PDB file of N, CA and C in Angstrom:
ATOM      1  N   MET A   1       7.978   5.455  22.170  1.00  0.00           N
ATOM      2  CA  MET A   1       7.348   5.040  21.181  1.00  0.00           C
ATOM      3  C   MET A   1       6.895   5.596  20.002  1.00  0.00           C
ATOM      4  N   PRO A   2       7.479   5.248  18.786  1.00  0.00           N
ATOM      5  CA  PRO A   2       6.964   6.340  17.351  1.00  0.00           C
ATOM      6  C   PRO A   2       5.573   6.335  17.421  1.00  0.00           C
ATOM      7  N   PRO A   3       5.015   7.376  16.692  1.00  0.00           N
ATOM      8  CA  PRO A   3       3.478   7.131  16.339  1.00  0.00           C
ATOM      9  C   PRO A   3       3.219   6.314  15.464  1.00  0.00           C
ATOM     10  N   SER A   4       2.039   5.728  15.659  1.00  0.00           N
ATOM     11  CA  SER A   4       1.324   4.610  14.493  1.00  0.00           C
ATOM     12  C   SER A   4       0.288   4.945  14.070  1.00  0.00           C
ATOM     13  N   SER A   5       0.039   4.881  12.864  1.00  0.00           N
ATOM     14  CA  SER A   5      -1.576   5.042  12.175  1.00  0.00           C
ATOM     15  C   SER A   5      -1.838   3.974  11.284  1.00  0.00           C
ATOM     16  N   GLU A   6      -2.849   3.913  10.891  1.00  0.00           N
ATOM     17  CA  GLU A   6      -3.692   2.625  10.172  1.00  0.00           C
ATOM     18  C   GLU A   6      -4.885   3.171   9.161  1.00  0.00           C
ATOM     19  N   THR A   7      -4.935   2.549   8.291  1.00  0.00           N
ATOM     20  CA  THR A   7      -6.250   3.464   7.412  1.00  0.00           C
ATOM     21  C   THR A   7      -6.418   1.776   6.239  1.00  0.00           C
ATOM     22  N   THR A   8      -7.762   2.090   5.653  1.00  0.00           N
ATOM     23  CA  THR A   8      -8.044   0.931   4.964  1.00  0.00           C
ATOM     24  C   THR A   8      -8.446   1.712   3.759  1.00  0.00           C
ATOM     25  N   VAL A   9      -8.305   0.817   2.610  1.00  0.00           N
ATOM     26  CA  VAL A   9      -8.682   1.330   1.321  1.00  0.00           C
ATOM     27  C   VAL A   9      -8.893  -0.080   0.330  1.00  0.00           C
ATOM     28  N   ALA A  10      -9.797  -0.213  -0.757  1.00  0.00           N
ATOM     29  CA  ALA A  10     -10.062  -1.042  -1.286  1.00  0.00           C
ATOM     30  C   ALA A  10      -9.399  -0.685  -2.887  1.00  0.00           C
ATOM     31  N   LEU A  11      -8.923  -1.858  -3.282  1.00  0.00           N
ATOM     32  CA  LEU A  11      -8.273  -1.687  -4.749  1.00  0.00           C
ATOM     33  C   LEU A  11      -9.627  -1.219  -5.962  1.00  0.00           C
ATOM     34  N   PRO A  12      -9.556  -0.627  -6.506  1.00  0.00           N
ATOM     35  CA  PRO A  12     -10.649   0.187  -7.584  1.00  0.00           C
ATOM     36  C   PRO A  12     -11.000  -1.092  -8.512  1.00  0.00           C
ATOM     37  N   THR A  13     -12.048  -1.318  -8.764  1.00  0.00           N
ATOM     38  CA  THR A  13     -12.656  -2.042  -9.644  1.00  0.00           C
ATOM     39  C   THR A  13     -12.179  -2.234 -10.842  1.00  0.00           C
ATOM     40  N   GLY A  14     -11.761  -3.532 -11.191  1.00  0.00           N
ATOM     41  CA  GLY A  14     -11.161  -3.580 -12.392  1.00  0.00           C
ATOM     42  C   GLY A  14      -9.328  -3.499 -12.320  1.00  0.00           C
ATOM     43  N   VAL A  15      -8.880  -3.512 -11.032  1.00  0.00           N
ATOM     44  CA  VAL A  15      -7.580  -3.045 -10.975  1.00  0.00           C
ATOM     45  C   VAL A  15      -6.925  -4.128  -9.790  1.00  0.00           C
ATOM     46  N   ASP A  16      -6.122  -4.917 -10.436  1.00  0.00           N
ATOM     47  CA  ASP A  16      -5.130  -5.687  -9.470  1.00  0.00           C
ATOM     48  C   ASP A  16      -3.693  -5.069  -9.304  1.00  0.00           C
ATOM     49  N   LEU A  17      -3.292  -5.582  -7.980  1.00  0.00           N
ATOM     50  CA  LEU A  17      -1.980  -5.076  -7.657  1.00  0.00           C
ATOM     51  C   LEU A  17      -0.777  -5.577  -8.287  1.00  0.00           C
ATOM     52  N   HIS A  18      -0.797  -5.702  -9.670  1.00  0.00           N
ATOM     53  CA  HIS A  18       0.460  -6.487 -10.091  1.00  0.00           C
ATOM     54  C   HIS A  18       1.506  -5.693 -10.246  1.00  0.00           C
ATOM     55  N   ALA A  19       2.714  -5.788 -11.341  1.00  0.00           N
ATOM     56  CA  ALA A  19       3.878  -5.277 -11.563  1.00  0.00           C
ATOM     57  C   ALA A  19       3.947  -3.693 -11.491  1.00  0.00           C
ATOM     58  N   ARG A  20       3.133  -3.100 -12.182  1.00  0.00           N
ATOM     59  CA  ARG A  20       3.189  -1.823 -12.508  1.00  0.00           C
ATOM     60  C   ARG A  20       2.782  -1.034 -11.499  1.00  0.00           C
ATOM     61  N   PRO A  21       1.222  -1.178 -11.083  1.00  0.00           N
ATOM     62  CA  PRO A  21       0.886  -0.654  -9.976  1.00  0.00           C
ATOM     63  C   PRO A  21       1.681  -0.693  -8.555  1.00  0.00           C
ATOM     64  N   ALA A  22       2.088  -2.033  -8.258  1.00  0.00           N
ATOM     65  CA  ALA A  22       2.581  -2.092  -7.139  1.00  0.00           C
ATOM     66  C   ALA A  22       4.029  -1.428  -7.124  1.00  0.00           C
ATOM     67  N   ALA A  23       4.539  -1.396  -8.354  1.00  0.00           N
ATOM     68  CA  ALA A  23       5.929  -0.548  -8.396  1.00  0.00           C
ATOM     69  C   ALA A  23       5.660   0.694  -7.694  1.00  0.00           C
ATOM     70  N   ASN A  24       4.608   1.125  -8.364  1.00  0.00           N
ATOM     71  CA  ASN A  24       3.990   2.759  -8.390  1.00  0.00           C
ATOM     72  C   ASN A  24       3.965   2.829  -6.558  1.00  0.00           C
ATOM     73  N   PHE A  25       3.499   1.957  -6.120  1.00  0.00           N
ATOM     74  CA  PHE A  25       3.074   1.593  -4.675  1.00  0.00           C
ATOM     75  C   PHE A  25       4.305   1.893  -3.865  1.00  0.00           C
ATOM     76  N   VAL A  26       5.208   0.979  -4.002  1.00  0.00           N
ATOM     77  CA  VAL A  26       6.274   0.666  -3.278  1.00  0.00           C
ATOM     78  C   VAL A  26       7.078   2.043  -3.423  1.00  0.00           C
ATOM     79  N   ARG A  27       7.329   2.604  -4.658  1.00  0.00           N
ATOM     80  CA  ARG A  27       7.956   3.813  -4.983  1.00  0.00           C
ATOM     81  C   ARG A  27       7.518   5.060  -3.974  1.00  0.00           C
ATOM     82  N   THR A  28       6.230   5.044  -3.813  1.00  0.00           N
ATOM     83  CA  THR A  28       5.429   5.888  -3.060  1.00  0.00           C
ATOM     84  C   THR A  28       5.868   5.848  -1.445  1.00  0.00           C
ATOM     85  N   ALA A  29       5.803   4.338  -0.983  1.00  0.00           N
ATOM     86  CA  ALA A  29       6.079   4.120   0.309  1.00  0.00           C
ATOM     87  C   ALA A  29       7.588   4.362   0.872  1.00  0.00           C
ATOM     88  N   MET A  30       8.614   4.298  -0.390  1.00  0.00           N
ATOM     89  CA  MET A  30       9.941   4.607  -0.341  1.00  0.00           C
ATOM     90  C   MET A  30      10.355   6.036   0.137  1.00  0.00           C
ATOM     91  N   ARG A  31       9.278   6.949  -0.265  1.00  0.00           N
ATOM     92  CA  ARG A  31       9.645   8.292  -0.026  1.00  0.00           C
ATOM     93  C   ARG A  31       9.786   8.719   1.494  1.00  0.00           C
ATOM     94  N   TYR A  32       9.038   7.790   2.416  1.00  0.00           N
ATOM     95  CA  TYR A  32       8.970   8.100   3.787  1.00  0.00           C
ATOM     96  C   TYR A  32       9.790   7.445   4.712  1.00  0.00           C
ATOM     97  N   ASP A  33      10.254   7.994   5.797  1.00  0.00           N
ATOM     98  CA  ASP A  33      11.074   7.286   6.863  1.00  0.00           C
ATOM     99  C   ASP A  33      10.067   6.352   7.647  1.00  0.00           C
ATOM    100  N   ALA A  34       8.981   6.313   7.604  1.00  0.00           N
ATOM    101  CA  ALA A  34       7.896   5.679   8.356  1.00  0.00           C
ATOM    102  C   ALA A  34       8.349   4.177   7.868  1.00  0.00           C
ATOM    103  N   ARG A  35       8.090   3.308   8.817  1.00  0.00           N
ATOM    104  CA  ARG A  35       7.945   1.747   8.553  1.00  0.00           C
ATOM    105  C   ARG A  35       6.355   1.337   8.066  1.00  0.00           C
ATOM    106  N   VAL A  36       6.216   0.888   6.700  1.00  0.00           N
ATOM    107  CA  VAL A  36       4.826   1.042   6.153  1.00  0.00           C
ATOM    108  C   VAL A  36       4.801  -0.647   6.050  1.00  0.00           C
ATOM    109  N   ALA A  37       3.600  -0.882   6.274  1.00  0.00           N
ATOM    110  CA  ALA A  37       3.131  -2.302   6.064  1.00  0.00           C
ATOM    111  C   ALA A  37       1.715  -2.443   5.214  1.00  0.00           C
ATOM    112  N   VAL A  38       1.479  -3.383   4.573  1.00  0.00           N
ATOM    113  CA  VAL A  38       0.207  -3.544   3.800  1.00  0.00           C
ATOM    114  C   VAL A  38      -0.495  -4.827   3.829  1.00  0.00           C
ATOM    115  N   ALA A  39      -1.563  -5.139   4.371  1.00  0.00           N
ATOM    116  CA  ALA A  39      -1.942  -6.533   4.623  1.00  0.00           C
ATOM    117  C   ALA A  39      -3.381  -6.372   3.502  1.00  0.00           C
ATOM    118  N   ALA A  40      -3.363  -7.965   3.048  1.00  0.00           N
ATOM    119  CA  ALA A  40      -4.388  -8.109   2.301  1.00  0.00           C
ATOM    120  C   ALA A  40      -4.955  -9.626   2.581  1.00  0.00           C
ATOM    121  N   ASN A  41      -6.232  -9.713   2.615  1.00  0.00           N
ATOM    122  CA  ASN A  41      -6.409 -11.433   2.776  1.00  0.00           C
ATOM    123  C   ASN A  41      -5.576 -12.326   4.065  1.00  0.00           C
ATOM    124  N   GLY A  42      -5.501 -11.782   4.719  1.00  0.00           N
ATOM    125  CA  GLY A  42      -4.864 -12.160   5.972  1.00  0.00           C
ATOM    126  C   GLY A  42      -3.281 -12.233   5.903  1.00  0.00           C
ATOM    127  N   ASP A  43      -2.803 -11.747   4.876  1.00  0.00           N
ATOM    128  CA  ASP A  43      -1.169 -12.015   4.797  1.00  0.00           C
ATOM    129  C   ASP A  43      -0.674 -10.244   4.593  1.00  0.00           C
ATOM    130  N   GLU A  44       0.299  -9.982   5.095  1.00  0.00           N
ATOM    131  CA  GLU A  44       1.097  -8.654   5.538  1.00  0.00           C
ATOM    132  C   GLU A  44       2.266  -8.681   4.922  1.00  0.00           C
ATOM    133  N   ALA A  45       2.689  -7.819   4.304  1.00  0.00           N
ATOM    134  CA  ALA A  45       3.993  -7.376   3.499  1.00  0.00           C
ATOM    135  C   ALA A  45       4.570  -5.957   3.992  1.00  0.00           C
ATOM    136  N   ASP A  46       5.997  -6.264   3.872  1.00  0.00           N
ATOM    137  CA  ASP A  46       6.374  -4.621   3.904  1.00  0.00           C
ATOM    138  C   ASP A  46       6.344  -4.039   2.646  1.00  0.00           C
ATOM    139  N   ALA A  47       5.801  -2.816   2.748  1.00  0.00           N
ATOM    140  CA  ALA A  47       5.025  -1.666   1.664  1.00  0.00           C
ATOM    141  C   ALA A  47       6.386  -1.305   0.594  1.00  0.00           C
ATOM    142  N   LYS A  48       7.509  -1.488   1.236  1.00  0.00           N
ATOM    143  CA  LYS A  48       8.701  -1.106   0.727  1.00  0.00           C
ATOM    144  C   LYS A  48       9.240  -2.051  -0.096  1.00  0.00           C
ATOM    145  N   SER A  49       9.072  -3.245  -0.274  1.00  0.00           N
ATOM    146  CA  SER A  49       9.335  -4.445  -0.932  1.00  0.00           C
ATOM    147  C   SER A  49       8.332  -5.022  -1.984  1.00  0.00           C
ATOM    148  N   LEU A  50       8.962  -4.827  -3.204  1.00  0.00           N
ATOM    149  CA  LEU A  50       8.128  -5.297  -4.310  1.00  0.00           C
ATOM    150  C   LEU A  50       7.530  -6.515  -4.397  1.00  0.00           C
ATOM    151  N   LEU A  51       8.362  -7.547  -3.900  1.00  0.00           N
ATOM    152  CA  LEU A  51       8.170  -8.829  -3.854  1.00  0.00           C
ATOM    153  C   LEU A  51       7.582  -9.251  -2.767  1.00  0.00           C
ATOM    154  N   SER A  52       7.591  -8.492  -1.709  1.00  0.00           N
ATOM    155  CA  SER A  52       6.381  -8.873  -0.856  1.00  0.00           C
ATOM    156  C   SER A  52       4.977  -8.405  -1.245  1.00  0.00           C
ATOM    157  N   VAL A  53       5.116  -6.828  -1.768  1.00  0.00           N
ATOM    158  CA  VAL A  53       3.596  -6.484  -2.215  1.00  0.00           C
ATOM    159  C   VAL A  53       2.990  -7.390  -3.204  1.00  0.00           C
ATOM    160  N   LEU A  54       3.673  -7.852  -4.094  1.00  0.00           N
ATOM    161  CA  LEU A  54       3.372  -8.427  -5.228  1.00  0.00           C
ATOM    162  C   LEU A  54       2.778 -10.059  -4.683  1.00  0.00           C
ATOM    163  N   ALA A  55       3.474 -10.654  -3.950  1.00  0.00           N
ATOM    164  CA  ALA A  55       3.181 -11.987  -3.409  1.00  0.00           C
ATOM    165  C   ALA A  55       1.710 -11.689  -2.396  1.00  0.00           C
ATOM    166  N   LEU A  56       1.491 -10.722  -2.100  1.00  0.00           N
ATOM    167  CA  LEU A  56       0.080 -10.401  -1.378  1.00  0.00           C
ATOM    168  C   LEU A  56      -1.360 -11.093  -2.306  1.00  0.00           C
ATOM    169  N   GLY A  57      -0.769 -11.004  -3.753  1.00  0.00           N
ATOM    170  CA  GLY A  57      -1.959 -11.340  -4.767  1.00  0.00           C
ATOM    171  C   GLY A  57      -3.356 -10.694  -4.608  1.00  0.00           C
ATOM    172  N   ALA A  58      -3.091  -9.092  -4.392  1.00  0.00           N
ATOM    173  CA  ALA A  58      -4.291  -8.465  -4.342  1.00  0.00           C
ATOM    174  C   ALA A  58      -5.062  -8.125  -5.629  1.00  0.00           C
ATOM    175  N   ARG A  59      -6.370  -8.396  -5.497  1.00  0.00           N
ATOM    176  CA  ARG A  59      -7.130  -8.229  -6.898  1.00  0.00           C
ATOM    177  C   ARG A  59      -8.170  -6.913  -6.670  1.00  0.00           C
ATOM    178  N   SER A  60      -8.550  -6.900  -7.864  1.00  0.00           N
ATOM    179  CA  SER A  60      -9.679  -5.865  -7.730  1.00  0.00           C
ATOM    180  C   SER A  60     -10.767  -5.975  -6.686  1.00  0.00           C
ATOM    181  N   GLY A  61     -11.140  -4.926  -6.018  1.00  0.00           N
ATOM    182  CA  GLY A  61     -11.898  -4.678  -4.954  1.00  0.00           C
ATOM    183  C   GLY A  61     -11.384  -5.358  -3.626  1.00  0.00           C
ATOM    184  N   THR A  62     -10.097  -5.869  -3.536  1.00  0.00           N
ATOM    185  CA  THR A  62      -9.514  -6.196  -2.440  1.00  0.00           C
ATOM    186  C   THR A  62      -9.544  -5.025  -1.114  1.00  0.00           C
ATOM    187  N   THR A  63      -9.808  -5.339   0.031  1.00  0.00           N
ATOM    188  CA  THR A  63      -9.142  -3.894   0.623  1.00  0.00           C
ATOM    189  C   THR A  63      -8.325  -4.301   1.498  1.00  0.00           C
ATOM    190  N   LEU A  64      -7.318  -3.335   1.485  1.00  0.00           N
ATOM    191  CA  LEU A  64      -6.002  -3.506   2.098  1.00  0.00           C
ATOM    192  C   LEU A  64      -6.257  -2.555   3.109  1.00  0.00           C
ATOM    193  N   THR A  65      -5.254  -2.966   4.353  1.00  0.00           N
ATOM    194  CA  THR A  65      -4.822  -2.558   5.286  1.00  0.00           C
ATOM    195  C   THR A  65      -3.423  -1.648   5.583  1.00  0.00           C
ATOM    196  N   LEU A  66      -3.321  -0.485   5.376  1.00  0.00           N
ATOM    197  CA  LEU A  66      -2.251   0.047   5.639  1.00  0.00           C
ATOM    198  C   LEU A  66      -1.741   0.480   7.022  1.00  0.00           C
ATOM    199  N   ARG A  67      -0.717   0.002   7.449  1.00  0.00           N
ATOM    200  CA  ARG A  67       0.038   0.508   8.771  1.00  0.00           C
ATOM    201  C   ARG A  67       1.152   1.073   8.758  1.00  0.00           C
ATOM    202  N   ALA A  68       1.376   2.341   9.378  1.00  0.00           N
ATOM    203  CA  ALA A  68       2.940   2.999   9.525  1.00  0.00           C
ATOM    204  C   ALA A  68       3.125   3.399  10.673  1.00  0.00           C
ATOM    205  N   ASP A  69       4.657   3.132  11.016  1.00  0.00           N
ATOM    206  CA  ASP A  69       5.182   3.651  12.292  1.00  0.00           C
ATOM    207  C   ASP A  69       6.229   4.445  12.043  1.00  0.00           C
ATOM    208  N   GLY A  70       6.014   5.639  12.738  1.00  0.00           N
ATOM    209  CA  GLY A  70       7.326   6.606  12.473  1.00  0.00           C
ATOM    210  C   GLY A  70       6.608   8.064  12.679  1.00  0.00           C
ATOM    211  N   ALA A  71       7.857   9.029  12.378  1.00  0.00           N
ATOM    212  CA  ALA A  71       7.388  10.444  12.234  1.00  0.00           C
ATOM    213  C   ALA A  71       6.603  10.902  11.264  1.00  0.00           C
ATOM    214  N   ASP A  72       6.680  10.264   9.980  1.00  0.00           N
ATOM    215  CA  ASP A  72       5.847  10.638   8.984  1.00  0.00           C
ATOM    216  C   ASP A  72       4.831   9.740   8.662  1.00  0.00           C
ATOM    217  N   ALA A  73       4.303   8.882   9.566  1.00  0.00           N
ATOM    218  CA  ALA A  73       3.425   7.789   9.335  1.00  0.00           C
ATOM    219  C   ALA A  73       2.142   8.355   8.806  1.00  0.00           C
ATOM    220  N   ASP A  74       1.451   9.581   9.228  1.00  0.00           N
ATOM    221  CA  ASP A  74       0.654  10.072   8.406  1.00  0.00           C
ATOM    222  C   ASP A  74       0.512  10.278   7.049  1.00  0.00           C
ATOM    223  N   GLU A  75       1.688  11.496   7.070  1.00  0.00           N
ATOM    224  CA  GLU A  75       1.860  11.533   5.661  1.00  0.00           C
ATOM    225  C   GLU A  75       2.118  10.474   4.635  1.00  0.00           C
ATOM    226  N   ALA A  76       2.888   9.416   5.002  1.00  0.00           N
ATOM    227  CA  ALA A  76       2.897   8.293   4.219  1.00  0.00           C
ATOM    228  C   ALA A  76       1.508   7.559   3.745  1.00  0.00           C
ATOM    229  N   LEU A  77       0.618   7.276   5.035  1.00  0.00           N
ATOM    230  CA  LEU A  77      -0.549   6.655   4.668  1.00  0.00           C
ATOM    231  C   LEU A  77      -1.418   7.357   3.794  1.00  0.00           C
ATOM    232  N   SER A  78      -1.556   8.722   3.919  1.00  0.00           N
ATOM    233  CA  SER A  78      -2.208   9.548   3.118  1.00  0.00           C
ATOM    234  C   SER A  78      -2.009   9.531   1.404  1.00  0.00           C
ATOM    235  N   ALA A  79      -0.443   9.405   1.378  1.00  0.00           N
ATOM    236  CA  ALA A  79       0.059   9.356  -0.024  1.00  0.00           C
ATOM    237  C   ALA A  79      -0.303   7.981  -0.630  1.00  0.00           C
ATOM    238  N   LEU A  80      -0.123   6.962   0.445  1.00  0.00           N
ATOM    239  CA  LEU A  80      -0.427   5.695  -0.331  1.00  0.00           C
ATOM    240  C   LEU A  80      -1.694   5.162  -0.522  1.00  0.00           C
ATOM    241  N   ALA A  81      -2.521   6.118   0.137  1.00  0.00           N
ATOM    242  CA  ALA A  81      -4.184   5.682  -0.066  1.00  0.00           C
ATOM    243  C   ALA A  81      -4.586   6.665  -1.215  1.00  0.00           C
ATOM    244  N   GLY A  82      -3.851   7.686  -1.286  1.00  0.00           N
ATOM    245  CA  GLY A  82      -3.989   8.314  -2.496  1.00  0.00           C
ATOM    246  C   GLY A  82      -3.293   7.456  -3.880  1.00  0.00           C
ATOM    247  N   CYS A  83      -2.476   6.905  -3.613  1.00  0.00           N
ATOM    248  CA  CYS A  83      -1.963   6.142  -5.001  1.00  0.00           C
ATOM    249  C   CYS A  83      -2.952   5.032  -5.386  1.00  0.00           C
ATOM    250  N   ILE A  84      -3.467   4.460  -4.529  1.00  0.00           N
ATOM    251  CA  ILE A  84      -4.325   2.965  -4.498  1.00  0.00           C
ATOM    252  C   ILE A  84      -5.348   3.973  -5.138  1.00  0.00           C
ATOM    253  N   ALA A  85      -6.142   4.901  -4.762  1.00  0.00           N
ATOM    254  CA  ALA A  85      -7.266   5.526  -5.071  1.00  0.00           C
ATOM    255  C   ALA A  85      -7.143   6.061  -6.577  1.00  0.00           C
ATOM    256  N   GLY A  86      -5.683   6.426  -6.937  1.00  0.00           N
ATOM    257  CA  GLY A  86      -5.248   6.740  -8.127  1.00  0.00           C
ATOM    258  C   GLY A  86      -5.140   5.672  -9.328  1.00  0.00           C
ATOM    259  N   LEU A  87      -5.358   4.421  -8.995  1.00  0.00           N
ATOM    260  CA  LEU A  87      -5.104   3.157  -9.939  1.00  0.00           C
ATOM    261  C   LEU A  87      -6.114   3.477 -10.786  1.00  0.00           C
ATOM    262  N   ARG A  88      -5.817   3.059 -12.327  1.00  0.00           N
ATOM    263  CA  ARG A  88      -6.957   2.491 -13.318  1.00  0.00           C
ATOM    264  C   ARG A  88      -6.558   1.012 -13.888  1.00  0.00           C
ATOM    265  N   GLU A  89      -7.533   0.874 -14.329  1.00  0.00           N
ATOM    266  CA  GLU A  89      -7.446  -0.703 -15.045  1.00  0.00           C
ATOM    267  C   GLU A  89      -6.317  -0.513 -16.121  1.00  0.00           C
ATOM    268  N   ASP A  90      -5.924   0.395 -16.882  1.00  0.00           N
ATOM    269  CA  ASP A  90      -4.752   0.563 -17.844  1.00  0.00           C
ATOM    270  C   ASP A  90      -3.327   0.792 -17.370  1.00  0.00           C
ATOM    271  N   ALA A  91      -3.495   0.754 -16.078  1.00  0.00           N
ATOM    272  CA  ALA A  91      -1.907   1.033 -15.167  1.00  0.00           C
ATOM    273  C   ALA A  91      -1.071  -0.423 -15.488  1.00  0.00           C
TER     274      ALA A  91
END
């Protein structure tokens, strides 16, 4: 069974996971071989699918649960958490 990891992060105040930040998030996820999922508001999406991430409708302050399975799961989660933490209102 491949290694599995999970972490939670909150979208910064004033930042929604709309097209531009979601695209950056997906590009970050795609750099890793791990299978990565993101969950918000009771729904879960493939973190490597822009449409799935957008469908979550995550808004400012929403807590996101990031899950990854695979050899580079920890690295993927660290990069994705950093991606979320670095989002700004003007993104």
